[in-house]
Amino acid sequence: MMETEPQPERSLAEWITFGIALSILAVVISLVGYIWLNEKNQPPILSVNQKSAIREIDGKFYVPFEIVNTGGETAESVQIIAELQIADQVVETGEQQIDFLSDGEKEEGAFIFSKNPSQGQLNVRVASYKLP
């Protein structure tokens, strides 16, 4: 029979290092599990709202807006259209293009009109997007 040498006892520094490494591993595994459980498998859900009051500067009317993606996936090439109707006729249109909008992301912008949007009905809507 062959005799084996007794294993040396671990030092306090080795136990502390082992504990820190084990806790980091536990945190990483917990975060991956949390993300996996809370992942939304939904397409983009886009909503656009007029953000604040219309501003008039040098005869131009600025209509600020905010777009939000509340879905689970990123949207690319988001197209936003604004139509100004006065007396049931579309008198001006505007278009915005947002390159990409990830889940929970907000973007702001403004449409610029030469006629006062308060004198008619302004419709702002998301026209299209594509998936990455």
N, C-alpha and C. Protein backbone atom coordinates (compact mmCIF):
# COMPACT_ATOMS: atom_id res chain seq x y z
N MET A 1 0.81 -1.18 0.00
CA MET A 1 0.00 0.00 0.00
C MET A 1 0.86 1.25 0.00
N MET A 2 0.34 2.18 -0.75
CA MET A 2 1.09 3.40 -0.85
C MET A 2 0.48 4.44 0.08
N GLU A 3 1.33 5.12 0.78
CA GLU A 3 0.84 6.14 1.70
C GLU A 3 0.69 7.45 0.96
N THR A 4 -0.39 8.13 1.23
CA THR A 4 -0.61 9.44 0.62
C THR A 4 -0.30 10.52 1.64
N GLU A 5 0.20 11.60 1.11
CA GLU A 5 0.51 12.69 2.01
C GLU A 5 -0.78 13.40 2.42
N PRO A 6 -0.86 13.82 3.63
CA PRO A 6 -2.06 14.54 4.06
C PRO A 6 -2.14 15.90 3.33
N GLN A 7 -3.38 16.25 2.95
CA GLN A 7 -3.62 17.52 2.27
C GLN A 7 -3.39 18.67 3.24
N PRO A 8 -2.71 19.71 2.79
CA PRO A 8 -2.52 20.85 3.70
C PRO A 8 -3.85 21.57 3.87
N GLU A 9 -4.04 22.13 5.03
CA GLU A 9 -5.28 22.86 5.30
C GLU A 9 -5.30 24.16 4.49
N ARG A 10 -6.49 24.57 4.12
CA ARG A 10 -6.65 25.80 3.35
C ARG A 10 -6.44 27.00 4.27
N SER A 11 -5.81 28.02 3.72
CA SER A 11 -5.60 29.23 4.51
C SER A 11 -6.86 30.09 4.48
N LEU A 12 -6.88 31.04 5.36
CA LEU A 12 -8.02 31.95 5.44
C LEU A 12 -8.18 32.73 4.13
N ALA A 13 -7.09 33.16 3.51
CA ALA A 13 -7.14 33.89 2.25
C ALA A 13 -7.75 33.03 1.14
N GLU A 14 -7.42 31.73 1.11
CA GLU A 14 -7.99 30.84 0.10
C GLU A 14 -9.50 30.68 0.29
N TRP A 15 -9.94 30.56 1.55
CA TRP A 15 -11.38 30.43 1.82
C TRP A 15 -12.12 31.72 1.44
N ILE A 16 -11.52 32.87 1.72
CA ILE A 16 -12.16 34.15 1.37
C ILE A 16 -12.25 34.29 -0.15
N THR A 17 -11.19 33.96 -0.85
CA THR A 17 -11.19 34.02 -2.32
C THR A 17 -12.23 33.06 -2.90
N PHE A 18 -12.32 31.87 -2.36
CA PHE A 18 -13.31 30.90 -2.80
C PHE A 18 -14.73 31.41 -2.57
N GLY A 19 -14.97 32.03 -1.43
CA GLY A 19 -16.30 32.58 -1.11
C GLY A 19 -16.68 33.70 -2.05
N ILE A 20 -15.73 34.59 -2.35
CA ILE A 20 -16.00 35.70 -3.27
C ILE A 20 -16.31 35.16 -4.66
N ALA A 21 -15.51 34.22 -5.15
CA ALA A 21 -15.74 33.64 -6.47
C ALA A 21 -17.10 32.95 -6.53
N LEU A 22 -17.45 32.24 -5.47
CA LEU A 22 -18.74 31.53 -5.42
C LEU A 22 -19.90 32.53 -5.41
N SER A 23 -19.76 33.64 -4.70
CA SER A 23 -20.85 34.63 -4.66
C SER A 23 -20.99 35.34 -6.01
N ILE A 24 -19.89 35.63 -6.70
CA ILE A 24 -19.97 36.23 -8.04
C ILE A 24 -20.68 35.29 -9.00
N LEU A 25 -20.34 34.03 -8.95
CA LEU A 25 -20.99 33.03 -9.80
C LEU A 25 -22.48 32.95 -9.50
N ALA A 26 -22.86 32.98 -8.23
CA ALA A 26 -24.27 32.93 -7.85
C ALA A 26 -25.03 34.15 -8.38
N VAL A 27 -24.41 35.33 -8.32
CA VAL A 27 -25.06 36.55 -8.82
C VAL A 27 -25.26 36.46 -10.33
N VAL A 28 -24.25 36.00 -11.05
CA VAL A 28 -24.37 35.88 -12.52
C VAL A 28 -25.48 34.90 -12.89
N ILE A 29 -25.52 33.76 -12.24
CA ILE A 29 -26.56 32.76 -12.52
C ILE A 29 -27.94 33.32 -12.17
N SER A 30 -28.05 34.05 -11.07
CA SER A 30 -29.34 34.64 -10.68
C SER A 30 -29.81 35.67 -11.70
N LEU A 31 -28.89 36.53 -12.17
CA LEU A 31 -29.28 37.54 -13.16
C LEU A 31 -29.71 36.92 -14.48
N VAL A 32 -29.00 35.90 -14.92
CA VAL A 32 -29.39 35.21 -16.17
C VAL A 32 -30.78 34.59 -16.01
N GLY A 33 -31.03 33.97 -14.87
CA GLY A 33 -32.35 33.38 -14.61
C GLY A 33 -33.44 34.43 -14.55
N TYR A 34 -33.16 35.55 -13.90
CA TYR A 34 -34.14 36.63 -13.81
C TYR A 34 -34.50 37.17 -15.19
N ILE A 35 -33.48 37.43 -16.02
CA ILE A 35 -33.72 37.93 -17.37
C ILE A 35 -34.50 36.92 -18.19
N TRP A 36 -34.15 35.66 -18.06
CA TRP A 36 -34.84 34.61 -18.82
C TRP A 36 -36.31 34.51 -18.43
N LEU A 37 -36.61 34.60 -17.12
CA LEU A 37 -37.99 34.49 -16.66
C LEU A 37 -38.83 35.72 -17.02
N ASN A 38 -38.22 36.89 -17.04
CA ASN A 38 -38.96 38.12 -17.30
C ASN A 38 -38.91 38.58 -18.74
N GLU A 39 -38.35 37.78 -19.61
CA GLU A 39 -38.24 38.15 -21.02
C GLU A 39 -39.61 38.20 -21.66
N LYS A 40 -39.86 39.28 -22.39
CA LYS A 40 -41.14 39.42 -23.10
C LYS A 40 -40.93 38.92 -24.53
N ASN A 41 -41.71 37.98 -24.93
CA ASN A 41 -41.67 37.51 -26.32
C ASN A 41 -42.81 38.15 -27.08
N GLN A 42 -42.80 39.48 -27.11
CA GLN A 42 -43.83 40.23 -27.81
C GLN A 42 -43.18 41.04 -28.93
N PRO A 43 -43.91 41.29 -29.97
CA PRO A 43 -43.40 42.20 -31.00
C PRO A 43 -43.36 43.62 -30.44
N PRO A 44 -42.75 44.54 -31.16
CA PRO A 44 -42.75 45.93 -30.70
C PRO A 44 -44.16 46.48 -30.57
N ILE A 45 -44.40 47.23 -29.52
CA ILE A 45 -45.67 47.93 -29.33
C ILE A 45 -45.32 49.41 -29.27
N LEU A 46 -45.67 50.14 -30.31
CA LEU A 46 -45.25 51.54 -30.45
C LEU A 46 -46.42 52.48 -30.24
N SER A 47 -46.19 53.50 -29.43
CA SER A 47 -47.23 54.53 -29.24
C SER A 47 -46.57 55.89 -29.33
N VAL A 48 -47.26 56.81 -29.98
CA VAL A 48 -46.75 58.16 -30.17
C VAL A 48 -47.75 59.14 -29.57
N ASN A 49 -47.23 60.14 -28.85
CA ASN A 49 -48.07 61.14 -28.19
C ASN A 49 -47.51 62.52 -28.41
N GLN A 50 -48.40 63.49 -28.52
CA GLN A 50 -47.95 64.88 -28.57
C GLN A 50 -47.44 65.23 -27.18
N LYS A 51 -46.22 65.72 -27.09
CA LYS A 51 -45.55 65.88 -25.81
C LYS A 51 -45.98 67.12 -25.04
N SER A 52 -45.97 68.27 -25.65
CA SER A 52 -46.33 69.49 -24.94
C SER A 52 -46.99 70.47 -25.91
N ALA A 53 -47.13 71.68 -25.46
CA ALA A 53 -47.83 72.69 -26.26
C ALA A 53 -47.08 73.00 -27.56
N ILE A 54 -47.85 73.42 -28.54
CA ILE A 54 -47.30 73.82 -29.84
C ILE A 54 -46.59 75.17 -29.67
N ARG A 55 -45.40 75.28 -30.26
CA ARG A 55 -44.63 76.53 -30.20
C ARG A 55 -44.64 77.19 -31.58
N GLU A 56 -44.74 78.52 -31.60
CA GLU A 56 -44.64 79.24 -32.86
C GLU A 56 -43.36 80.05 -32.85
N ILE A 57 -42.52 79.83 -33.86
CA ILE A 57 -41.26 80.55 -34.00
C ILE A 57 -41.10 80.93 -35.47
N ASP A 58 -40.97 82.23 -35.73
CA ASP A 58 -40.78 82.76 -37.09
C ASP A 58 -41.84 82.25 -38.07
N GLY A 59 -43.09 82.21 -37.65
CA GLY A 59 -44.18 81.81 -38.54
C GLY A 59 -44.29 80.31 -38.76
N LYS A 60 -43.48 79.52 -38.10
CA LYS A 60 -43.53 78.06 -38.18
C LYS A 60 -44.06 77.52 -36.86
N PHE A 61 -44.81 76.43 -36.95
CA PHE A 61 -45.43 75.84 -35.77
C PHE A 61 -44.77 74.50 -35.47
N TYR A 62 -44.16 74.39 -34.30
CA TYR A 62 -43.43 73.19 -33.88
C TYR A 62 -44.32 72.35 -32.97
N VAL A 63 -44.54 71.10 -33.38
CA VAL A 63 -45.38 70.18 -32.63
C VAL A 63 -44.49 69.06 -32.08
N PRO A 64 -44.11 69.14 -30.80
CA PRO A 64 -43.25 68.10 -30.23
C PRO A 64 -44.02 66.80 -30.00
N PHE A 65 -43.31 65.68 -30.13
CA PHE A 65 -43.93 64.38 -29.90
C PHE A 65 -42.93 63.47 -29.18
N GLU A 66 -43.47 62.39 -28.64
CA GLU A 66 -42.66 61.35 -27.99
C GLU A 66 -43.17 60.00 -28.45
N ILE A 67 -42.26 59.12 -28.82
CA ILE A 67 -42.63 57.76 -29.21
C ILE A 67 -41.97 56.80 -28.23
N VAL A 68 -42.74 55.75 -27.84
CA VAL A 68 -42.27 54.78 -26.85
C VAL A 68 -42.51 53.37 -27.39
N ASN A 69 -41.54 52.49 -27.17
CA ASN A 69 -41.70 51.07 -27.49
C ASN A 69 -41.91 50.30 -26.19
N THR A 70 -43.11 49.79 -25.98
CA THR A 70 -43.41 49.02 -24.77
C THR A 70 -43.45 47.53 -25.03
N GLY A 71 -43.13 47.12 -26.24
CA GLY A 71 -43.12 45.69 -26.58
C GLY A 71 -41.84 45.02 -26.12
N GLY A 72 -41.62 43.81 -26.58
CA GLY A 72 -40.48 43.04 -26.14
C GLY A 72 -39.32 43.04 -27.10
N GLU A 73 -39.51 43.48 -28.33
CA GLU A 73 -38.45 43.43 -29.33
C GLU A 73 -38.12 44.84 -29.83
N THR A 74 -36.97 44.95 -30.46
CA THR A 74 -36.53 46.21 -31.04
C THR A 74 -37.21 46.43 -32.39
N ALA A 75 -37.57 47.67 -32.65
CA ALA A 75 -38.14 48.05 -33.95
C ALA A 75 -37.11 48.90 -34.69
N GLU A 76 -36.97 48.65 -35.98
CA GLU A 76 -36.07 49.44 -36.82
C GLU A 76 -36.89 50.22 -37.84
N SER A 77 -36.31 51.28 -38.34
CA SER A 77 -36.92 52.12 -39.39
C SER A 77 -38.37 52.47 -39.04
N VAL A 78 -38.56 53.02 -37.86
CA VAL A 78 -39.90 53.41 -37.41
C VAL A 78 -40.30 54.69 -38.12
N GLN A 79 -41.44 54.65 -38.81
CA GLN A 79 -41.93 55.80 -39.56
C GLN A 79 -43.13 56.40 -38.83
N ILE A 80 -43.05 57.71 -38.56
CA ILE A 80 -44.13 58.44 -37.88
C ILE A 80 -44.65 59.49 -38.85
N ILE A 81 -45.97 59.56 -38.98
CA ILE A 81 -46.61 60.49 -39.91
C ILE A 81 -47.55 61.41 -39.14
N ALA A 82 -47.51 62.69 -39.49
CA ALA A 82 -48.44 63.67 -38.93
C ALA A 82 -49.21 64.29 -40.09
N GLU A 83 -50.53 64.37 -39.94
CA GLU A 83 -51.39 64.98 -40.97
C GLU A 83 -52.21 66.09 -40.32
N LEU A 84 -52.16 67.25 -40.93
CA LEU A 84 -52.94 68.38 -40.45
C LEU A 84 -54.15 68.55 -41.36
N GLN A 85 -55.35 68.40 -40.79
CA GLN A 85 -56.60 68.57 -41.54
C GLN A 85 -57.27 69.86 -41.11
N ILE A 86 -57.61 70.65 -42.10
CA ILE A 86 -58.39 71.86 -41.86
C ILE A 86 -59.57 71.80 -42.81
N ALA A 87 -60.77 71.94 -42.27
CA ALA A 87 -62.02 71.85 -43.04
C ALA A 87 -62.09 70.52 -43.80
N ASP A 88 -61.80 69.43 -43.09
CA ASP A 88 -61.86 68.06 -43.63
C ASP A 88 -60.96 67.83 -44.83
N GLN A 89 -59.91 68.62 -44.97
CA GLN A 89 -58.94 68.44 -46.05
C GLN A 89 -57.54 68.39 -45.45
N VAL A 90 -56.73 67.44 -45.91
CA VAL A 90 -55.34 67.38 -45.46
C VAL A 90 -54.58 68.51 -46.15
N VAL A 91 -54.10 69.46 -45.34
CA VAL A 91 -53.41 70.61 -45.91
C VAL A 91 -51.88 70.50 -45.77
N GLU A 92 -51.42 69.73 -44.79
CA GLU A 92 -49.98 69.52 -44.62
C GLU A 92 -49.74 68.15 -44.01
N THR A 93 -48.60 67.58 -44.37
CA THR A 93 -48.17 66.32 -43.76
C THR A 93 -46.71 66.44 -43.36
N GLY A 94 -46.33 65.64 -42.40
CA GLY A 94 -44.93 65.57 -41.98
C GLY A 94 -44.57 64.12 -41.72
N GLU A 95 -43.30 63.82 -41.85
CA GLU A 95 -42.84 62.43 -41.65
C GLU A 95 -41.53 62.44 -40.88
N GLN A 96 -41.41 61.51 -39.95
CA GLN A 96 -40.19 61.32 -39.18
C GLN A 96 -39.76 59.87 -39.32
N GLN A 97 -38.45 59.65 -39.28
CA GLN A 97 -37.90 58.29 -39.36
C GLN A 97 -36.98 58.10 -38.15
N ILE A 98 -37.27 57.07 -37.34
CA ILE A 98 -36.43 56.72 -36.20
C ILE A 98 -35.67 55.45 -36.59
N ASP A 99 -34.34 55.48 -36.49
CA ASP A 99 -33.52 54.35 -36.94
C ASP A 99 -33.85 53.07 -36.18
N PHE A 100 -33.85 53.13 -34.85
CA PHE A 100 -34.24 51.95 -34.07
C PHE A 100 -34.77 52.39 -32.72
N LEU A 101 -35.62 51.54 -32.15
CA LEU A 101 -36.24 51.80 -30.86
C LEU A 101 -36.31 50.48 -30.12
N SER A 102 -35.48 50.34 -29.09
CA SER A 102 -35.45 49.08 -28.34
C SER A 102 -36.55 49.06 -27.29
N ASP A 103 -36.73 47.93 -26.62
CA ASP A 103 -37.76 47.75 -25.61
C ASP A 103 -37.61 48.79 -24.50
N GLY A 104 -38.68 49.53 -24.24
CA GLY A 104 -38.68 50.53 -23.17
C GLY A 104 -38.04 51.85 -23.55
N GLU A 105 -37.54 51.99 -24.75
CA GLU A 105 -36.86 53.21 -25.16
C GLU A 105 -37.85 54.28 -25.61
N LYS A 106 -37.49 55.53 -25.36
CA LYS A 106 -38.30 56.69 -25.78
C LYS A 106 -37.44 57.56 -26.68
N GLU A 107 -38.08 58.15 -27.66
CA GLU A 107 -37.44 59.14 -28.53
C GLU A 107 -38.36 60.34 -28.62
N GLU A 108 -37.76 61.51 -28.78
CA GLU A 108 -38.53 62.74 -28.91
C GLU A 108 -38.15 63.44 -30.20
N GLY A 109 -39.08 64.21 -30.72
CA GLY A 109 -38.84 64.97 -31.93
C GLY A 109 -39.93 66.01 -32.09
N ALA A 110 -39.97 66.64 -33.25
CA ALA A 110 -41.01 67.64 -33.51
C ALA A 110 -41.33 67.66 -35.00
N PHE A 111 -42.60 67.92 -35.29
CA PHE A 111 -43.05 68.18 -36.64
C PHE A 111 -43.15 69.69 -36.80
N ILE A 112 -42.86 70.18 -37.99
CA ILE A 112 -42.89 71.62 -38.24
C ILE A 112 -43.91 71.88 -39.35
N PHE A 113 -44.88 72.74 -39.04
CA PHE A 113 -45.93 73.09 -39.99
C PHE A 113 -45.90 74.58 -40.28
N SER A 114 -46.37 74.96 -41.47
CA SER A 114 -46.47 76.38 -41.81
C SER A 114 -47.83 76.95 -41.41
N LYS A 115 -48.83 76.08 -41.27
CA LYS A 115 -50.17 76.49 -40.82
C LYS A 115 -50.34 76.09 -39.36
N ASN A 116 -51.16 76.83 -38.64
CA ASN A 116 -51.37 76.59 -37.22
C ASN A 116 -52.19 75.31 -37.00
N PRO A 117 -51.62 74.29 -36.36
CA PRO A 117 -52.36 73.05 -36.10
C PRO A 117 -53.56 73.23 -35.18
N SER A 118 -53.59 74.33 -34.42
CA SER A 118 -54.74 74.58 -33.53
C SER A 118 -55.99 74.92 -34.31
N GLN A 119 -55.85 75.30 -35.58
CA GLN A 119 -57.00 75.67 -36.41
C GLN A 119 -57.64 74.46 -37.08
N GLY A 120 -57.11 73.29 -36.86
CA GLY A 120 -57.66 72.08 -37.48
C GLY A 120 -57.45 70.88 -36.58
N GLN A 121 -57.43 69.73 -37.21
CA GLN A 121 -57.23 68.48 -36.47
C GLN A 121 -55.88 67.90 -36.88
N LEU A 122 -55.06 67.59 -35.89
CA LEU A 122 -53.74 67.03 -36.13
C LEU A 122 -53.75 65.55 -35.75
N ASN A 123 -53.41 64.68 -36.70
CA ASN A 123 -53.32 63.24 -36.45
C ASN A 123 -51.86 62.83 -36.55
N VAL A 124 -51.32 62.30 -35.46
CA VAL A 124 -49.95 61.80 -35.42
C VAL A 124 -50.03 60.31 -35.15
N ARG A 125 -49.38 59.50 -36.03
CA ARG A 125 -49.48 58.05 -35.87
C ARG A 125 -48.20 57.38 -36.35
N VAL A 126 -48.01 56.15 -35.88
CA VAL A 126 -46.91 55.32 -36.35
C VAL A 126 -47.40 54.62 -37.61
N ALA A 127 -46.67 54.78 -38.71
CA ALA A 127 -47.10 54.21 -39.98
C ALA A 127 -46.50 52.84 -40.22
N SER A 128 -45.22 52.63 -39.83
CA SER A 128 -44.60 51.33 -40.11
C SER A 128 -43.32 51.17 -39.31
N TYR A 129 -42.83 49.94 -39.26
CA TYR A 129 -41.54 49.60 -38.68
C TYR A 129 -41.11 48.25 -39.27
N LYS A 130 -39.86 47.90 -39.04
CA LYS A 130 -39.41 46.57 -39.43
C LYS A 130 -38.65 45.95 -38.28
N LEU A 131 -38.59 44.63 -38.27
CA LEU A 131 -37.86 43.91 -37.23
C LEU A 131 -36.40 43.76 -37.65
N PRO A 132 -35.49 43.80 -36.69
CA PRO A 132 -34.07 43.66 -37.04
C PRO A 132 -33.73 42.27 -37.55
